[in-house]
C-alpha atoms as a PDB file:
ATOM      1  CA  UNK A   1     -13.068 -13.996   8.311  1.00  0.00           C
ATOM      2  CA  UNK A   2     -15.968 -12.204   6.675  1.00  0.00           C
ATOM      3  CA  UNK A   3     -14.528  -8.752   7.504  1.00  0.00           C
ATOM      4  CA  UNK A   4     -11.260  -9.662   5.816  1.00  0.00           C
ATOM      5  CA  UNK A   5     -13.100 -10.802   2.699  1.00  0.00           C
ATOM      6  CA  UNK A   6     -15.148  -7.590   2.585  1.00  0.00           C
ATOM      7  CA  UNK A   7     -12.024  -5.456   3.066  1.00  0.00           C
ATOM      8  CA  UNK A   8     -10.215  -7.392   0.333  1.00  0.00           C
ATOM      9  CA  UNK A   9     -13.137  -6.981  -2.076  1.00  0.00           C
ATOM     10  CA  UNK A  10     -13.370  -3.258  -1.400  1.00  0.00           C
ATOM     11  CA  UNK A  11      -9.613  -2.923  -1.894  1.00  0.00           C
ATOM     12  CA  UNK A  12      -9.765  -4.856  -5.149  1.00  0.00           C
ATOM     13  CA  UNK A  13     -12.553  -2.651  -6.498  1.00  0.00           C
ATOM     14  CA  UNK A  14     -10.714   0.518  -5.469  1.00  0.00           C
ATOM     15  CA  UNK A  15      -7.474  -0.620  -7.082  1.00  0.00           C
ATOM     16  CA  UNK A  16      -9.356  -1.491 -10.273  1.00  0.00           C
ATOM     17  CA  UNK A  17     -10.936   1.962 -10.330  1.00  0.00           C
ATOM     18  CA  UNK A  18      -7.545   3.587  -9.726  1.00  0.00           C
ATOM     19  CA  UNK A  19      -6.031   1.624 -12.626  1.00  0.00           C
ATOM     20  CA  UNK A  20      -8.914   2.656 -14.882  1.00  0.00           C
ATOM     21  CA  UNK A  21      -8.585   6.288 -13.808  1.00  0.00           C
ATOM     22  CA  UNK A  22      -4.836   6.138 -14.383  1.00  0.00           C
ATOM     23  CA  UNK A  23      -5.330   4.772 -17.893  1.00  0.00           C
ATOM     24  CA  UNK A  24      -7.914   7.400 -18.823  1.00  0.00           C
ATOM     25  CA  UNK A  25      -6.021  10.310 -17.254  1.00  0.00           C
ATOM     26  CA  UNK A  26      -2.788   9.300 -18.986  1.00  0.00           C
ATOM     27  CA  UNK A  27      -4.337  10.216 -22.346  1.00  0.00           C
ATOM     28  CA  UNK A  28      -5.799  13.564 -21.264  1.00  0.00           C
ATOM     29  CA  UNK A  29      -3.348  16.432 -21.572  1.00  0.00           C
ATOM     30  CA  UNK A  30      -4.454  19.058 -19.065  1.00  0.00           C
ATOM     31  CA  UNK A  31      -2.856  20.253 -15.818  1.00  0.00           C
ATOM     32  CA  UNK A  32      -5.817  18.933 -13.807  1.00  0.00           C
ATOM     33  CA  UNK A  33      -5.491  15.511 -15.441  1.00  0.00           C
ATOM     34  CA  UNK A  34      -1.788  15.423 -14.567  1.00  0.00           C
ATOM     35  CA  UNK A  35      -2.543  16.146 -10.901  1.00  0.00           C
ATOM     36  CA  UNK A  36      -5.313  13.554 -10.862  1.00  0.00           C
ATOM     37  CA  UNK A  37      -2.985  11.035 -12.542  1.00  0.00           C
ATOM     38  CA  UNK A  38      -0.398  11.531  -9.805  1.00  0.00           C
ATOM     39  CA  UNK A  39      -3.114  11.135  -7.155  1.00  0.00           C
ATOM     40  CA  UNK A  40      -4.363   7.906  -8.789  1.00  0.00           C
ATOM     41  CA  UNK A  41      -0.836   6.492  -8.950  1.00  0.00           C
ATOM     42  CA  UNK A  42      -0.238   7.424  -5.317  1.00  0.00           C
ATOM     43  CA  UNK A  43      -3.514   5.811  -4.236  1.00  0.00           C
ATOM     44  CA  UNK A  44      -2.663   2.663  -6.223  1.00  0.00           C
ATOM     45  CA  UNK A  45       0.341   2.206  -3.947  1.00  0.00           C
ATOM     46  CA  UNK A  46      -1.080   3.492  -0.655  1.00  0.00           C
ATOM     47  CA  UNK A  47      -4.520   1.813  -0.567  1.00  0.00           C
ATOM     48  CA  UNK A  48      -3.217  -1.791  -0.651  1.00  0.00           C
ATOM     49  CA  UNK A  49      -0.588  -0.951   1.965  1.00  0.00           C
ATOM     50  CA  UNK A  50      -3.193   0.598   4.273  1.00  0.00           C
ATOM     51  CA  UNK A  51      -5.582  -2.353   3.826  1.00  0.00           C
ATOM     52  CA  UNK A  52      -2.747  -4.802   4.529  1.00  0.00           C
ATOM     53  CA  UNK A  53      -1.850  -2.878   7.676  1.00  0.00           C
ATOM     54  CA  UNK A  54      -5.506  -2.861   8.728  1.00  0.00           C
ATOM     55  CA  UNK A  55      -5.749  -6.623   8.301  1.00  0.00           C
ATOM     56  CA  UNK A  56      -2.562  -7.174  10.297  1.00  0.00           C
ATOM     57  CA  UNK A  57      -3.721  -4.811  13.051  1.00  0.00           C
ATOM     58  CA  UNK A  58      -7.170  -6.374  13.379  1.00  0.00           C
ATOM     59  CA  UNK A  59      -5.671  -9.863  13.401  1.00  0.00           C
ATOM     60  CA  UNK A  60      -3.126  -8.929  16.054  1.00  0.00           C
ATOM     61  CA  UNK A  61      -5.635  -7.106  18.243  1.00  0.00           C
ATOM     62  CA  UNK A  62      -8.052 -10.060  18.281  1.00  0.00           C
ATOM     63  CA  UNK A  63      -5.380 -12.726  18.541  1.00  0.00           C
ATOM     64  CA  UNK A  64      -6.351 -14.159  15.120  1.00  0.00           C
ATOM     65  CA  UNK A  65      -8.679 -16.676  16.776  1.00  0.00           C
ATOM     66  CA  UNK A  66     -10.852 -17.056  13.670  1.00  0.00           C
ATOM     67  CA  UNK A  67      -8.087 -18.371  11.413  1.00  0.00           C
ATOM     68  CA  UNK A  68      -6.597 -20.951  13.782  1.00  0.00           C
ATOM     69  CA  UNK A  69      -8.591 -23.847  15.217  1.00  0.00           C
ATOM     70  CA  UNK A  70      -8.597 -24.052  18.977  1.00  0.00           C
ATOM     71  CA  UNK A  71      -7.200 -26.957  20.988  1.00  0.00           C
ATOM     72  CA  UNK A  72     -10.706 -27.910  22.128  1.00  0.00           C
ATOM     73  CA  UNK A  73     -11.773 -28.561  18.523  1.00  0.00           C
ATOM     74  CA  UNK A  74      -8.968 -31.112  18.078  1.00  0.00           C
ATOM     75  CA  UNK A  75      -9.760 -33.002  21.318  1.00  0.00           C
ATOM     76  CA  UNK A  76     -13.265 -33.897  20.202  1.00  0.00           C
ATOM     77  CA  UNK A  77     -12.032 -35.709  17.069  1.00  0.00           C
ATOM     78  CA  UNK A  78     -10.276 -38.541  18.956  1.00  0.00           C
END
């Protein structure tokens, strides 16, 4: 669970930086700023999708055992 939280925090910080870069670059009128603006907009869409795919892949490869309680945990409560 801790890896998911770290990945989510990193993704949130990156998206925030991309939004800030997009806002700043939108007001600068140079060819370089236009290219950087397009890159920031692209990354704003791609980074969350890649992080979501990473979380799905890691959960599927491990069987998602951390998120679901096992049957042995429930037997001890009775």
